[in-house]
N, C-alpha and C. Protein backbone atom coordinates (compact mmCIF):
# COMPACT_ATOMS: atom_id res chain seq x y z
N MET A 1 98.64 114.65 94.13
CA MET A 1 98.51 113.26 93.89
C MET A 1 99.83 112.66 94.28
N CYS A 2 100.08 111.92 95.41
CA CYS A 2 101.44 111.45 95.79
C CYS A 2 101.48 109.96 95.33
N VAL A 3 102.38 109.58 94.45
CA VAL A 3 102.42 108.20 94.15
C VAL A 3 103.77 107.68 94.61
N TYR A 4 103.78 106.49 95.31
CA TYR A 4 104.88 105.91 95.94
C TYR A 4 105.17 104.56 95.39
N PHE A 5 106.28 104.56 94.57
CA PHE A 5 106.68 103.46 93.94
C PHE A 5 107.88 102.72 94.58
N VAL A 6 108.02 101.40 94.33
CA VAL A 6 109.27 100.70 94.60
C VAL A 6 109.86 100.25 93.38
N TRP A 7 111.12 100.11 93.28
CA TRP A 7 111.84 99.61 92.03
C TRP A 7 112.80 98.71 92.46
N PRO A 8 112.47 97.23 92.11
CA PRO A 8 113.44 96.34 92.30
C PRO A 8 114.65 96.51 91.57
N THR A 9 115.74 96.67 92.22
CA THR A 9 116.97 97.02 91.58
C THR A 9 117.54 95.60 90.86
N ALA A 10 117.42 94.61 91.46
CA ALA A 10 117.71 93.19 90.85
C ALA A 10 116.95 92.34 91.62
N PRO A 11 116.87 91.05 91.16
CA PRO A 11 116.04 89.91 91.75
C PRO A 11 116.71 89.64 93.14
N GLN A 12 115.89 89.61 94.06
CA GLN A 12 116.31 89.18 95.37
C GLN A 12 117.40 90.06 96.07
N VAL A 13 117.29 91.26 95.54
CA VAL A 13 118.31 92.28 96.17
C VAL A 13 117.48 93.41 96.71
N GLN A 14 118.17 94.37 97.47
CA GLN A 14 117.46 95.43 98.26
C GLN A 14 116.63 96.16 97.14
N VAL A 15 115.49 96.53 97.58
CA VAL A 15 114.45 97.30 96.83
C VAL A 15 114.77 98.78 96.99
N GLU A 16 114.80 99.45 95.94
CA GLU A 16 114.96 101.01 96.00
C GLU A 16 113.54 101.60 96.02
N GLU A 17 113.20 102.60 96.86
CA GLU A 17 111.96 103.27 96.73
C GLU A 17 112.14 104.59 96.30
N THR A 18 111.05 105.13 95.60
CA THR A 18 111.19 106.60 95.09
C THR A 18 109.75 107.19 95.24
N TYR A 19 109.70 108.47 95.27
CA TYR A 19 108.54 109.18 95.40
C TYR A 19 108.23 110.11 94.25
N ILE A 20 107.15 109.96 93.57
CA ILE A 20 106.80 110.69 92.40
C ILE A 20 105.53 111.60 92.83
N MET A 21 105.49 112.78 92.40
CA MET A 21 104.40 113.61 92.58
C MET A 21 103.85 113.99 91.24
N VAL A 22 102.42 113.58 91.17
CA VAL A 22 101.74 114.18 89.88
C VAL A 22 101.28 115.62 90.28
N LYS A 23 101.93 116.64 89.55
CA LYS A 23 101.56 117.91 90.04
C LYS A 23 100.12 118.26 89.62
N PRO A 24 99.50 119.48 90.14
CA PRO A 24 98.22 119.88 89.82
C PRO A 24 97.68 119.81 88.44
N ASP A 25 98.61 120.29 87.51
CA ASP A 25 98.16 120.42 86.03
C ASP A 25 98.05 118.99 85.58
N GLY A 26 98.94 118.02 86.02
CA GLY A 26 98.70 116.54 85.60
C GLY A 26 97.39 115.85 86.08
N VAL A 27 97.01 116.28 87.30
CA VAL A 27 95.74 115.85 87.81
C VAL A 27 94.55 116.64 87.01
N GLN A 28 94.73 117.87 86.82
CA GLN A 28 93.71 118.61 86.20
C GLN A 28 93.50 118.22 84.80
N ARG A 29 94.49 117.70 84.11
CA ARG A 29 94.45 117.33 82.64
C ARG A 29 94.15 115.90 82.65
N GLY A 30 93.86 115.15 83.77
CA GLY A 30 93.41 113.73 83.77
C GLY A 30 94.54 112.67 83.29
N LEU A 31 95.83 113.01 83.67
CA LEU A 31 96.98 112.25 83.14
C LEU A 31 97.49 111.42 84.24
N VAL A 32 96.80 111.25 85.48
CA VAL A 32 97.38 110.42 86.57
C VAL A 32 97.40 108.94 86.02
N GLY A 33 96.44 108.34 85.39
CA GLY A 33 96.52 106.87 85.20
C GLY A 33 97.59 106.86 83.96
N GLU A 34 97.69 107.64 83.17
CA GLU A 34 98.85 107.64 82.03
C GLU A 34 100.19 107.71 82.72
N ILE A 35 100.38 108.51 83.57
CA ILE A 35 101.59 108.65 84.35
C ILE A 35 102.02 107.36 85.12
N ILE A 36 101.09 106.96 85.85
CA ILE A 36 101.19 105.64 86.70
C ILE A 36 101.59 104.43 85.67
N SER A 37 100.83 104.26 84.70
CA SER A 37 101.02 103.17 83.63
C SER A 37 102.46 103.39 83.18
N ARG A 38 102.86 104.46 82.76
CA ARG A 38 104.31 104.43 82.31
C ARG A 38 105.53 104.03 83.32
N PHE A 39 105.26 104.19 84.56
CA PHE A 39 106.09 103.76 85.55
C PHE A 39 105.99 102.28 85.76
N GLU A 40 104.69 101.74 85.83
CA GLU A 40 104.52 100.36 85.87
C GLU A 40 105.16 99.59 84.66
N LYS A 41 104.95 99.96 83.45
CA LYS A 41 105.53 99.42 82.12
C LYS A 41 106.89 99.35 82.37
N LYS A 42 107.71 100.21 83.22
CA LYS A 42 109.06 100.15 83.22
C LYS A 42 109.51 99.15 84.56
N GLY A 43 108.70 98.59 85.14
CA GLY A 43 108.97 97.55 86.10
C GLY A 43 108.83 98.18 87.61
N PHE A 44 108.31 99.47 87.69
CA PHE A 44 108.11 99.91 89.08
C PHE A 44 106.75 99.29 89.67
N ARG A 45 106.73 99.06 90.86
CA ARG A 45 105.48 98.65 91.55
C ARG A 45 104.91 99.80 92.58
N LEU A 46 103.63 100.00 92.20
CA LEU A 46 103.07 101.05 92.97
C LEU A 46 102.79 100.43 94.47
N LYS A 47 103.18 101.26 95.33
CA LYS A 47 103.12 100.88 96.80
C LYS A 47 102.11 101.76 97.54
N GLY A 48 102.05 102.96 97.10
CA GLY A 48 101.08 103.92 97.91
C GLY A 48 100.51 104.98 96.99
N LEU A 49 99.60 105.52 97.20
CA LEU A 49 98.85 106.60 96.47
C LEU A 49 98.18 107.38 97.31
N LYS A 50 98.19 108.72 97.35
CA LYS A 50 97.47 109.64 98.02
C LYS A 50 97.08 110.99 97.31
N LEU A 51 95.79 111.32 97.28
CA LEU A 51 95.47 112.50 96.58
C LEU A 51 95.12 113.57 97.79
N PHE A 52 95.84 114.64 97.52
CA PHE A 52 95.59 115.76 98.53
C PHE A 52 96.09 116.98 98.08
N GLN A 53 95.49 118.07 98.47
CA GLN A 53 96.08 119.57 98.14
C GLN A 53 97.15 119.87 99.08
N CYS A 54 98.42 120.07 98.45
CA CYS A 54 99.58 120.39 99.26
C CYS A 54 99.34 121.74 100.08
N PRO A 55 99.59 121.72 101.41
CA PRO A 55 99.45 123.05 101.98
C PRO A 55 100.74 123.81 101.74
N LYS A 56 100.70 125.14 102.07
CA LYS A 56 101.72 126.00 101.67
C LYS A 56 103.01 125.71 102.53
N GLU A 57 102.71 125.44 103.88
CA GLU A 57 103.95 125.23 104.65
C GLU A 57 104.68 123.99 104.23
N LEU A 58 103.98 122.87 103.63
CA LEU A 58 104.73 121.64 103.21
C LEU A 58 105.45 122.05 101.98
N ALA A 59 104.74 122.70 101.08
CA ALA A 59 105.33 123.04 99.66
C ALA A 59 106.65 124.01 99.96
N GLU A 60 106.67 124.95 100.85
CA GLU A 60 107.76 125.79 101.35
C GLU A 60 108.96 124.92 101.73
N GLU A 61 108.63 123.88 102.72
CA GLU A 61 109.64 123.00 103.14
C GLU A 61 110.32 122.23 102.05
N HIS A 62 109.36 121.71 101.24
CA HIS A 62 109.87 120.67 100.23
C HIS A 62 110.79 121.47 99.24
N TYR A 63 110.34 122.61 98.92
CA TYR A 63 111.21 123.37 97.87
C TYR A 63 112.17 124.37 98.49
N LYS A 64 112.42 124.23 99.75
CA LYS A 64 113.31 125.30 100.52
C LYS A 64 114.67 125.76 99.80
N ASP A 65 115.09 124.72 99.09
CA ASP A 65 116.54 124.91 98.50
C ASP A 65 116.24 125.84 97.32
N LEU A 66 114.99 126.25 96.90
CA LEU A 66 114.82 127.14 95.80
C LEU A 66 114.25 128.50 96.32
N LYS A 67 114.36 128.66 97.66
CA LYS A 67 113.68 129.92 98.35
C LYS A 67 114.14 131.13 97.72
N GLU A 68 115.48 131.29 97.20
CA GLU A 68 116.06 132.60 96.85
C GLU A 68 115.86 132.70 95.40
N LYS A 69 115.32 131.77 94.65
CA LYS A 69 115.05 131.92 93.31
C LYS A 69 113.75 132.94 93.08
N SER A 70 113.92 133.62 91.95
CA SER A 70 112.83 134.60 91.67
C SER A 70 111.48 133.92 91.31
N PHE A 71 111.46 132.60 90.96
CA PHE A 71 110.09 132.00 90.51
C PHE A 71 109.68 131.25 91.86
N PHE A 72 110.33 131.28 93.03
CA PHE A 72 109.82 130.62 94.14
C PHE A 72 108.31 130.75 94.62
N PRO A 73 107.90 132.05 94.71
CA PRO A 73 106.37 132.31 94.97
C PRO A 73 105.47 131.65 93.92
N LYS A 74 105.83 131.81 92.75
CA LYS A 74 104.92 131.22 91.68
C LYS A 74 104.96 129.55 91.81
N LEU A 75 105.99 129.03 92.12
CA LEU A 75 106.09 127.62 92.35
C LEU A 75 105.36 127.20 93.30
N ILE A 76 105.23 127.89 94.57
CA ILE A 76 104.58 127.55 95.77
C ILE A 76 102.96 127.76 95.47
N ASP A 77 102.66 128.79 94.74
CA ASP A 77 101.36 128.95 94.27
C ASP A 77 100.73 127.84 93.46
N TYR A 78 101.60 127.48 92.59
CA TYR A 78 101.39 126.19 91.57
C TYR A 78 101.16 125.03 92.39
N ILE A 79 101.95 124.70 93.24
CA ILE A 79 102.10 123.34 93.75
C ILE A 79 100.76 123.37 94.79
N THR A 80 100.33 124.46 95.39
CA THR A 80 99.37 124.33 96.20
C THR A 80 98.04 124.68 95.60
N SER A 81 97.84 124.87 94.24
CA SER A 81 96.77 125.13 93.42
C SER A 81 95.63 124.21 93.28
N GLY A 82 96.05 122.96 93.50
CA GLY A 82 95.12 121.81 93.43
C GLY A 82 95.75 120.52 93.95
N PRO A 83 94.93 119.45 93.97
CA PRO A 83 95.56 118.30 94.21
C PRO A 83 96.72 117.89 93.31
N SER A 84 97.83 117.14 93.88
CA SER A 84 99.05 116.76 93.01
C SER A 84 99.32 115.35 93.21
N SER A 85 99.58 114.57 92.68
CA SER A 85 100.04 113.24 92.50
C SER A 85 101.67 113.23 92.19
N ARG A 86 113.95 109.95 86.88
CA ARG A 86 114.46 111.21 86.15
C ARG A 86 114.61 110.76 84.61
N LYS A 87 114.80 109.87 84.38
CA LYS A 87 114.86 109.41 83.01
C LYS A 87 113.40 109.30 82.36
N LEU A 88 112.75 108.64 83.03
CA LEU A 88 111.28 108.33 82.43
C LEU A 88 110.49 109.66 82.49
N ILE A 89 110.84 110.48 83.56
CA ILE A 89 110.31 111.72 83.65
C ILE A 89 110.48 112.63 82.75
N GLY A 90 111.71 112.82 82.27
CA GLY A 90 112.27 113.67 81.44
C GLY A 90 113.00 115.02 82.05
N ALA A 91 113.36 115.78 81.20
CA ALA A 91 114.21 117.06 81.67
C ALA A 91 113.03 118.08 82.30
N THR A 92 113.52 118.83 83.35
CA THR A 92 112.67 119.74 83.83
C THR A 92 112.00 120.58 82.91
N ASN A 93 112.65 121.25 81.82
CA ASN A 93 112.13 121.91 80.76
C ASN A 93 111.49 121.08 79.70
N PRO A 94 110.19 120.94 79.60
CA PRO A 94 109.56 120.07 78.65
C PRO A 94 110.15 120.18 77.31
N LEU A 95 110.52 121.42 76.82
CA LEU A 95 111.08 121.60 75.60
C LEU A 95 112.51 120.77 75.33
N GLN A 96 113.14 120.46 76.49
CA GLN A 96 114.36 119.86 76.30
C GLN A 96 114.27 118.37 76.71
N ALA A 97 112.92 117.95 77.14
CA ALA A 97 112.74 116.72 77.36
C ALA A 97 112.56 115.66 76.17
N GLU A 98 113.10 114.66 76.24
CA GLU A 98 113.11 113.64 74.98
C GLU A 98 111.55 113.19 74.59
N PRO A 99 111.39 112.77 73.54
CA PRO A 99 110.12 112.19 73.17
C PRO A 99 110.05 110.86 73.87
N GLY A 100 108.91 110.57 74.29
CA GLY A 100 108.75 109.20 75.09
C GLY A 100 108.87 109.44 76.62
N THR A 101 109.38 110.55 77.07
CA THR A 101 109.34 110.69 78.66
C THR A 101 108.01 111.41 78.85
N ILE A 102 107.64 111.38 80.08
CA ILE A 102 106.41 111.98 80.58
C ILE A 102 106.31 113.54 80.24
N ARG A 103 107.37 114.17 80.53
CA ARG A 103 107.28 115.68 80.37
C ARG A 103 107.49 116.03 78.74
N GLY A 104 108.21 115.08 78.06
CA GLY A 104 108.50 115.31 76.68
C GLY A 104 107.02 115.31 76.01
N ASP A 105 106.40 114.22 76.35
CA ASP A 105 105.00 113.84 75.63
C ASP A 105 103.90 114.65 76.27
N LEU A 106 103.91 115.03 77.46
CA LEU A 106 102.68 115.56 78.23
C LEU A 106 102.64 117.01 78.70
N ALA A 107 103.99 117.43 79.06
CA ALA A 107 104.05 118.75 79.83
C ALA A 107 103.97 119.83 78.76
N VAL A 108 103.68 120.99 79.10
CA VAL A 108 103.49 122.25 78.21
C VAL A 108 104.52 123.36 78.29
N GLU A 109 105.04 123.55 79.65
CA GLU A 109 105.87 124.64 80.07
C GLU A 109 106.68 124.07 81.22
N THR A 110 107.94 124.73 81.42
CA THR A 110 108.69 124.46 82.53
C THR A 110 108.04 124.64 84.00
N GLY A 111 107.31 125.76 84.26
CA GLY A 111 106.70 125.93 85.47
C GLY A 111 105.55 125.06 85.69
N ARG A 112 105.04 124.40 84.60
CA ARG A 112 103.92 123.29 85.00
C ARG A 112 104.41 122.02 84.23
N ASN A 113 105.17 121.33 84.89
CA ASN A 113 105.75 120.30 84.10
C ASN A 113 105.37 118.82 84.54
N ILE A 114 104.14 118.77 85.07
CA ILE A 114 103.37 117.59 85.20
C ILE A 114 103.72 116.76 86.50
N VAL A 115 105.03 116.46 86.65
CA VAL A 115 105.43 115.60 87.68
C VAL A 115 106.70 115.97 88.48
N HIS A 116 106.87 115.58 89.72
CA HIS A 116 108.12 115.62 90.41
C HIS A 116 108.44 114.26 90.78
N GLY A 117 109.85 114.05 90.64
CA GLY A 117 110.53 112.79 90.96
C GLY A 117 111.59 113.02 91.92
N SER A 118 111.87 112.21 92.90
CA SER A 118 113.01 112.30 93.76
C SER A 118 114.25 112.21 92.92
N ASP A 119 115.34 112.96 93.47
CA ASP A 119 116.49 112.88 92.64
C ASP A 119 117.55 112.01 93.23
N SER A 120 117.27 111.35 94.41
CA SER A 120 118.21 110.66 94.89
C SER A 120 117.33 109.43 95.88
N PRO A 121 117.89 108.49 96.09
CA PRO A 121 117.18 107.51 97.13
C PRO A 121 117.08 108.23 98.49
N ASP A 122 118.17 108.92 99.08
CA ASP A 122 117.94 109.77 100.26
C ASP A 122 116.68 110.70 100.17
N ASN A 123 116.74 111.51 99.13
CA ASN A 123 115.68 112.36 98.96
C ASN A 123 114.27 111.65 98.88
N GLY A 124 114.18 110.51 98.15
CA GLY A 124 113.13 109.71 98.04
C GLY A 124 112.45 109.33 99.41
N GLN A 125 113.24 108.87 100.34
CA GLN A 125 112.89 108.44 101.64
C GLN A 125 112.37 109.79 102.28
N ARG A 126 113.06 110.84 102.11
CA ARG A 126 112.54 111.94 102.87
C ARG A 126 111.23 112.44 102.41
N GLU A 127 111.08 112.44 101.10
CA GLU A 127 109.90 112.96 100.39
C GLU A 127 108.76 112.04 100.68
N ILE A 128 109.00 110.69 100.71
CA ILE A 128 107.94 109.71 101.01
C ILE A 128 107.32 110.10 102.43
N GLY A 129 108.24 110.32 103.53
CA GLY A 129 107.82 110.61 104.77
C GLY A 129 107.29 111.87 104.91
N GLU A 130 107.66 112.97 104.16
CA GLU A 130 107.04 114.20 104.18
C GLU A 130 105.54 114.19 103.67
N PHE A 131 105.27 113.61 102.46
CA PHE A 131 103.95 113.71 101.81
C PHE A 131 103.17 112.62 102.09
N LEU A 132 103.57 111.43 102.24
CA LEU A 132 102.57 110.37 102.44
C LEU A 132 102.15 110.25 104.00
N ASN A 133 103.00 110.85 104.88
CA ASN A 133 102.67 110.99 106.31
C ASN A 133 102.18 112.28 106.74
N TYR A 134 101.87 113.24 105.91
CA TYR A 134 101.28 114.42 106.13
C TYR A 134 99.92 114.52 106.61
């Protein structure tokens, strides 16, 4: 599940866009609505939504900076296992995520941590192009 939000940084000022992926476990557990609701309550406006199963080649391209990590094959298997859709998201490790964050409240383990969020505006634009135009 790809979710594309815009965040108005200030009234009548340039709008920042970000990309959020609800990962397969978030979709399988029926958490898409809850996750979208949390972003909307923080002032983000939903601009696009796409439900699809991520193909292996797109997952490998998206996570190419992690290719040398021992967990890379499991990450690719996980991301491609089913449909998938920073502060609000919480720490990568749900055990370190603060209560009230999506991962702190809803995720169960680091390898299956519910959502992906762009870590910068530049990466957000790149990820929007990768996933929503795939």
